[in-house]
Amino acid sequence: ALGEKLYTELKAKGVDVLLDDRKERFGPKIKDFELLGIPYAVVIGKKLVDGLVEVVTRRGLEKEEFSSENVLDSILKKVL
């Protein structure tokens, strides 16, 4: 699926990536993401039906939406 594809492509570009595929609600996942100090979280959820993926920034928990087709380039611009 899209999560595994992004994981593989980001790893190939040298980006440190954590794939959280636990069957857990969103709240606990975000709490863990904050505790681990991960700067960005890619949220692949209900909006994928509309072709959208959210990128959440740890600082301020700001959310941005990107098309699922362009999310890789958007993430790379943020982290590289």
N, C-alpha and C. Protein backbone atom coordinates (compact mmCIF):
# COMPACT_ATOMS: atom_id res chain seq x y z
N ALA A 1 0.84 -1.19 0.00
CA ALA A 1 0.00 0.00 0.00
C ALA A 1 0.88 1.25 0.00
N LEU A 2 0.25 2.40 0.07
CA LEU A 2 0.97 3.66 -0.02
C LEU A 2 1.99 3.83 1.11
N GLY A 3 1.65 3.42 2.31
CA GLY A 3 2.57 3.55 3.45
C GLY A 3 3.87 2.81 3.22
N GLU A 4 3.77 1.57 2.76
CA GLU A 4 4.98 0.79 2.50
C GLU A 4 5.79 1.38 1.35
N LYS A 5 5.08 1.89 0.34
CA LYS A 5 5.77 2.49 -0.81
C LYS A 5 6.55 3.73 -0.37
N LEU A 6 5.91 4.62 0.40
CA LEU A 6 6.60 5.81 0.89
C LEU A 6 7.78 5.44 1.77
N TYR A 7 7.57 4.46 2.64
CA TYR A 7 8.64 3.99 3.53
C TYR A 7 9.86 3.56 2.71
N THR A 8 9.63 2.72 1.72
CA THR A 8 10.72 2.20 0.89
C THR A 8 11.43 3.32 0.13
N GLU A 9 10.65 4.22 -0.46
CA GLU A 9 11.25 5.29 -1.26
C GLU A 9 12.01 6.29 -0.40
N LEU A 10 11.50 6.61 0.78
CA LEU A 10 12.21 7.53 1.67
C LEU A 10 13.49 6.90 2.19
N LYS A 11 13.44 5.61 2.55
CA LYS A 11 14.65 4.90 3.00
C LYS A 11 15.71 4.92 1.90
N ALA A 12 15.28 4.70 0.66
CA ALA A 12 16.21 4.68 -0.47
C ALA A 12 16.88 6.04 -0.66
N LYS A 13 16.21 7.12 -0.24
CA LYS A 13 16.77 8.47 -0.34
C LYS A 13 17.60 8.83 0.89
N GLY A 14 17.73 7.90 1.84
CA GLY A 14 18.55 8.14 3.02
C GLY A 14 17.82 8.82 4.17
N VAL A 15 16.50 8.85 4.13
CA VAL A 15 15.70 9.49 5.18
C VAL A 15 15.41 8.45 6.26
N ASP A 16 15.60 8.83 7.53
CA ASP A 16 15.22 7.95 8.64
C ASP A 16 13.71 7.89 8.71
N VAL A 17 13.16 6.68 8.67
CA VAL A 17 11.71 6.50 8.59
C VAL A 17 11.27 5.44 9.59
N LEU A 18 10.11 5.68 10.20
CA LEU A 18 9.48 4.71 11.08
C LEU A 18 8.07 4.47 10.54
N LEU A 19 7.76 3.23 10.20
CA LEU A 19 6.42 2.88 9.72
C LEU A 19 5.62 2.35 10.90
N ASP A 20 4.59 3.08 11.28
CA ASP A 20 3.75 2.68 12.41
C ASP A 20 2.46 2.09 11.85
N ASP A 21 2.45 0.78 11.71
CA ASP A 21 1.27 0.12 11.15
C ASP A 21 0.48 -0.63 12.22
N ARG A 22 0.63 -0.18 13.47
CA ARG A 22 -0.13 -0.79 14.56
C ARG A 22 -1.62 -0.54 14.39
N LYS A 23 -2.41 -1.46 14.85
CA LYS A 23 -3.87 -1.31 14.84
C LYS A 23 -4.27 -0.50 16.07
N GLU A 24 -3.84 0.73 16.09
CA GLU A 24 -4.03 1.64 17.24
C GLU A 24 -4.76 2.88 16.73
N ARG A 25 -5.49 3.53 17.61
CA ARG A 25 -6.14 4.78 17.24
C ARG A 25 -5.10 5.86 16.96
N PHE A 26 -5.54 6.91 16.31
CA PHE A 26 -4.65 7.99 15.90
C PHE A 26 -4.02 8.71 17.10
N GLY A 27 -4.80 8.98 18.14
CA GLY A 27 -4.30 9.73 19.31
C GLY A 27 -3.06 9.13 19.93
N PRO A 28 -3.08 7.84 20.30
CA PRO A 28 -1.88 7.23 20.87
C PRO A 28 -0.69 7.23 19.91
N LYS A 29 -0.96 7.09 18.62
CA LYS A 29 0.15 7.12 17.65
C LYS A 29 0.81 8.49 17.64
N ILE A 30 0.00 9.56 17.65
CA ILE A 30 0.56 10.91 17.66
C ILE A 30 1.33 11.16 18.95
N LYS A 31 0.81 10.68 20.06
CA LYS A 31 1.50 10.85 21.34
C LYS A 31 2.88 10.19 21.28
N ASP A 32 2.95 8.98 20.72
CA ASP A 32 4.23 8.28 20.59
C ASP A 32 5.17 9.03 19.65
N PHE A 33 4.64 9.57 18.58
CA PHE A 33 5.42 10.32 17.60
C PHE A 33 6.04 11.54 18.27
N GLU A 34 5.29 12.20 19.16
CA GLU A 34 5.82 13.34 19.91
C GLU A 34 6.91 12.90 20.88
N LEU A 35 6.66 11.81 21.61
CA LEU A 35 7.63 11.32 22.59
C LEU A 35 8.94 10.90 21.94
N LEU A 36 8.86 10.31 20.75
CA LEU A 36 10.07 9.86 20.05
C LEU A 36 10.82 11.01 19.39
N GLY A 37 10.19 12.18 19.30
CA GLY A 37 10.85 13.33 18.69
C GLY A 37 10.88 13.28 17.18
N ILE A 38 9.96 12.56 16.59
CA ILE A 38 9.90 12.46 15.13
C ILE A 38 9.34 13.79 14.59
N PRO A 39 10.08 14.46 13.68
CA PRO A 39 9.66 15.79 13.26
C PRO A 39 8.40 15.83 12.39
N TYR A 40 8.16 14.79 11.59
CA TYR A 40 7.00 14.77 10.70
C TYR A 40 6.34 13.41 10.74
N ALA A 41 5.01 13.42 10.64
CA ALA A 41 4.25 12.17 10.53
C ALA A 41 3.40 12.27 9.27
N VAL A 42 3.44 11.23 8.47
CA VAL A 42 2.58 11.15 7.30
C VAL A 42 1.37 10.32 7.71
N VAL A 43 0.20 10.91 7.59
CA VAL A 43 -1.03 10.24 8.01
C VAL A 43 -1.79 9.81 6.77
N ILE A 44 -1.87 8.51 6.60
CA ILE A 44 -2.62 7.94 5.48
C ILE A 44 -3.90 7.39 6.08
N GLY A 45 -4.98 8.11 5.88
CA GLY A 45 -6.23 7.73 6.53
C GLY A 45 -7.43 7.86 5.61
N LYS A 46 -8.52 8.32 6.18
CA LYS A 46 -9.80 8.39 5.46
C LYS A 46 -9.74 9.30 4.24
N LYS A 47 -8.88 10.31 4.27
CA LYS A 47 -8.81 11.26 3.16
C LYS A 47 -8.15 10.67 1.92
N LEU A 48 -7.54 9.49 2.06
CA LEU A 48 -6.91 8.85 0.91
C LEU A 48 -7.94 8.55 -0.18
N VAL A 49 -9.19 8.33 0.22
CA VAL A 49 -10.28 8.11 -0.74
C VAL A 49 -10.37 9.28 -1.71
N ASP A 50 -10.08 10.49 -1.21
CA ASP A 50 -10.10 11.70 -2.03
C ASP A 50 -8.72 12.00 -2.63
N GLY A 51 -7.77 11.08 -2.45
CA GLY A 51 -6.43 11.26 -3.00
C GLY A 51 -5.54 12.16 -2.15
N LEU A 52 -5.89 12.34 -0.87
CA LEU A 52 -5.12 13.24 0.00
C LEU A 52 -4.45 12.50 1.15
N VAL A 53 -3.28 13.00 1.52
CA VAL A 53 -2.50 12.48 2.64
C VAL A 53 -2.13 13.69 3.50
N GLU A 54 -2.15 13.52 4.82
CA GLU A 54 -1.77 14.61 5.73
C GLU A 54 -0.33 14.44 6.18
N VAL A 55 0.38 15.56 6.29
CA VAL A 55 1.70 15.57 6.91
C VAL A 55 1.57 16.45 8.15
N VAL A 56 1.86 15.86 9.30
CA VAL A 56 1.73 16.56 10.58
C VAL A 56 3.13 16.90 11.07
N THR A 57 3.34 18.17 11.43
CA THR A 57 4.61 18.63 11.98
C THR A 57 4.53 18.53 13.50
N ARG A 58 5.54 17.92 14.11
CA ARG A 58 5.53 17.74 15.56
C ARG A 58 5.42 19.07 16.29
N ARG A 59 6.19 20.05 15.86
CA ARG A 59 6.15 21.37 16.50
C ARG A 59 4.83 22.04 16.16
N GLY A 60 3.97 22.17 17.13
CA GLY A 60 2.68 22.82 16.93
C GLY A 60 1.60 21.92 16.34
N LEU A 61 1.96 20.70 16.01
CA LEU A 61 1.02 19.75 15.40
C LEU A 61 0.27 20.36 14.21
N GLU A 62 1.01 21.13 13.40
CA GLU A 62 0.42 21.73 12.21
C GLU A 62 0.20 20.65 11.17
N LYS A 63 -0.93 20.75 10.45
CA LYS A 63 -1.27 19.75 9.44
C LYS A 63 -1.30 20.39 8.06
N GLU A 64 -0.74 19.67 7.09
CA GLU A 64 -0.81 20.09 5.69
C GLU A 64 -1.33 18.90 4.90
N GLU A 65 -2.12 19.18 3.89
CA GLU A 65 -2.61 18.12 3.02
C GLU A 65 -1.88 18.17 1.69
N PHE A 66 -1.54 16.98 1.19
CA PHE A 66 -0.89 16.85 -0.10
C PHE A 66 -1.59 15.76 -0.88
N SER A 67 -1.50 15.85 -2.20
CA SER A 67 -2.06 14.75 -2.99
C SER A 67 -1.19 13.53 -2.76
N SER A 68 -1.80 12.37 -2.79
CA SER A 68 -1.05 11.14 -2.54
C SER A 68 0.02 10.94 -3.60
N GLU A 69 -0.17 11.53 -4.78
CA GLU A 69 0.81 11.39 -5.85
C GLU A 69 2.04 12.26 -5.62
N ASN A 70 1.88 13.39 -4.92
CA ASN A 70 2.98 14.35 -4.74
C ASN A 70 3.57 14.35 -3.34
N VAL A 71 3.07 13.50 -2.46
CA VAL A 71 3.50 13.57 -1.06
C VAL A 71 4.98 13.24 -0.90
N LEU A 72 5.52 12.34 -1.69
CA LEU A 72 6.94 11.99 -1.58
C LEU A 72 7.81 13.22 -1.82
N ASP A 73 7.56 13.94 -2.90
CA ASP A 73 8.35 15.14 -3.20
C ASP A 73 8.18 16.20 -2.10
N SER A 74 6.97 16.34 -1.58
CA SER A 74 6.72 17.31 -0.52
C SER A 74 7.49 16.97 0.74
N ILE A 75 7.53 15.70 1.10
CA ILE A 75 8.28 15.27 2.28
C ILE A 75 9.77 15.50 2.07
N LEU A 76 10.27 15.14 0.91
CA LEU A 76 11.70 15.30 0.63
C LEU A 76 12.11 16.77 0.72
N LYS A 77 11.26 17.68 0.26
CA LYS A 77 11.57 19.12 0.36
C LYS A 77 11.68 19.56 1.81
N LYS A 78 10.89 18.94 2.69
CA LYS A 78 10.91 19.31 4.10
C LYS A 78 12.13 18.76 4.83
N VAL A 79 12.56 17.56 4.49
CA VAL A 79 13.59 16.90 5.29
C VAL A 79 15.00 16.95 4.70
N LEU A 80 15.12 17.26 3.43
CA LEU A 80 16.47 17.30 2.83
C LEU A 80 16.95 18.71 2.63
